[in-house]
C-alpha atoms as a PDB file:
ATOM      1  CA  MET A   1     -20.350 -35.634  43.594  1.00  0.00           C
ATOM      2  CA  ARG A   2     -22.879 -37.928  45.221  1.00  0.00           C
ATOM      3  CA  GLY A   3     -22.711 -41.698  45.128  1.00  0.00           C
ATOM      4  CA  ALA A   4     -25.597 -44.081  44.628  1.00  0.00           C
ATOM      5  CA  ASP A   5     -27.852 -45.082  47.507  1.00  0.00           C
ATOM      6  CA  LEU A   6     -27.736 -48.715  48.549  1.00  0.00           C
ATOM      7  CA  SER A   7     -30.087 -50.695  50.784  1.00  0.00           C
ATOM      8  CA  VAL A   8     -28.982 -53.709  52.813  1.00  0.00           C
ATOM      9  CA  CYS A   9     -30.837 -56.100  55.094  1.00  0.00           C
ATOM     10  CA  GLU A  10     -29.986 -56.218  58.763  1.00  0.00           C
ATOM     11  CA  ASP A  11     -28.573 -59.749  58.401  1.00  0.00           C
ATOM     12  CA  THR A  12     -26.183 -58.689  55.592  1.00  0.00           C
ATOM     13  CA  ASN A  13     -22.511 -59.548  55.944  1.00  0.00           C
ATOM     14  CA  ALA A  14     -19.934 -56.766  55.769  1.00  0.00           C
ATOM     15  CA  VAL A  15     -19.983 -54.800  52.493  1.00  0.00           C
ATOM     16  CA  GLN A  16     -16.813 -53.553  50.777  1.00  0.00           C
ATOM     17  CA  LEU A  17     -17.203 -50.055  49.313  1.00  0.00           C
ATOM     18  CA  ASN A  18     -14.781 -48.804  46.679  1.00  0.00           C
ATOM     19  CA  GLY A  19     -14.038 -45.179  45.911  1.00  0.00           C
ATOM     20  CA  ILE A  20     -12.516 -43.518  42.859  1.00  0.00           C
ATOM     21  CA  PRO A  21      -9.722 -42.618  42.720  1.00  0.00           C
ATOM     22  CA  ALA A  22      -8.320 -45.454  44.820  1.00  0.00           C
ATOM     23  CA  GLY A  23      -6.316 -44.661  47.939  1.00  0.00           C
ATOM     24  CA  GLY A  24      -8.852 -42.430  49.687  1.00  0.00           C
ATOM     25  CA  VAL A  25     -10.262 -42.800  53.191  1.00  0.00           C
ATOM     26  CA  TRP A  26     -13.828 -43.662  54.188  1.00  0.00           C
ATOM     27  CA  THR A  27     -15.455 -42.191  57.295  1.00  0.00           C
ATOM     28  CA  GLY A  28     -18.811 -42.845  58.915  1.00  0.00           C
ATOM     29  CA  ASN A  29     -20.549 -45.017  61.481  1.00  0.00           C
ATOM     30  CA  GLY A  30     -19.536 -48.678  61.104  1.00  0.00           C
ATOM     31  CA  ILE A  31     -17.135 -48.205  58.183  1.00  0.00           C
ATOM     32  CA  SER A  32     -13.375 -48.775  58.234  1.00  0.00           C
ATOM     33  CA  ASN A  33     -10.887 -46.387  56.601  1.00  0.00           C
ATOM     34  CA  GLY A  34     -10.538 -48.986  53.841  1.00  0.00           C
ATOM     35  CA  GLY A  35     -14.279 -49.019  53.090  1.00  0.00           C
ATOM     36  CA  LEU A  36     -15.473 -52.197  54.833  1.00  0.00           C
ATOM     37  CA  TYR A  37     -18.954 -51.454  56.173  1.00  0.00           C
ATOM     38  CA  THR A  38     -20.344 -53.560  58.995  1.00  0.00           C
ATOM     39  CA  LEU A  39     -24.019 -52.972  59.750  1.00  0.00           C
ATOM     40  CA  THR A  40     -24.351 -51.047  63.009  1.00  0.00           C
ATOM     41  CA  GLY A  41     -28.123 -50.970  63.348  1.00  0.00           C
ATOM     42  CA  ILE A  42     -31.341 -50.059  61.629  1.00  0.00           C
ATOM     43  CA  GLY A  43     -31.664 -46.631  60.027  1.00  0.00           C
ATOM     44  CA  SER A  44     -29.988 -44.395  57.480  1.00  0.00           C
ATOM     45  CA  PHE A  45     -26.250 -43.766  57.561  1.00  0.00           C
ATOM     46  CA  ASP A  46     -24.084 -41.374  55.585  1.00  0.00           C
ATOM     47  CA  PHE A  47     -20.484 -42.112  54.632  1.00  0.00           C
ATOM     48  CA  MET A  48     -17.808 -39.848  53.212  1.00  0.00           C
ATOM     49  CA  TYR A  49     -15.014 -40.859  50.835  1.00  0.00           C
ATOM     50  CA  THR A  50     -12.090 -38.437  50.834  1.00  0.00           C
ATOM     51  CA  SER A  51      -9.175 -38.597  48.437  1.00  0.00           C
ATOM     52  CA  GLY A  52      -6.516 -36.104  47.491  1.00  0.00           C
ATOM     53  CA  TYR A  53      -8.726 -34.956  44.615  1.00  0.00           C
ATOM     54  CA  TRP A  54     -12.276 -34.615  45.938  1.00  0.00           C
ATOM     55  CA  GLN A  55     -14.830 -35.812  48.462  1.00  0.00           C
ATOM     56  CA  LEU A  56     -17.639 -38.154  47.498  1.00  0.00           C
ATOM     57  CA  PRO A  57     -20.480 -37.749  50.008  1.00  0.00           C
ATOM     58  CA  GLY A  58     -23.761 -39.518  49.790  1.00  0.00           C
ATOM     59  CA  TYR A  59     -23.469 -43.251  50.171  1.00  0.00           C
ATOM     60  CA  ARG A  60     -26.620 -43.810  52.163  1.00  0.00           C
ATOM     61  CA  TYR A  61     -27.663 -47.122  53.671  1.00  0.00           C
ATOM     62  CA  SER A  62     -31.116 -47.714  55.057  1.00  0.00           C
END
């Protein structure tokens, strides 16, 4: 399953991402296990949400 793309400006504060089902772990550049994304630069970034049920790839920030 792929999540929706989201664009943020480089002066954006940290963004909280939420996965379903709750309790999974986020991975990717600039994102905490709990889903708090802090902008790490300009470009496109992919994040992965892993839970005990499935993986949700495809949150893309540019």
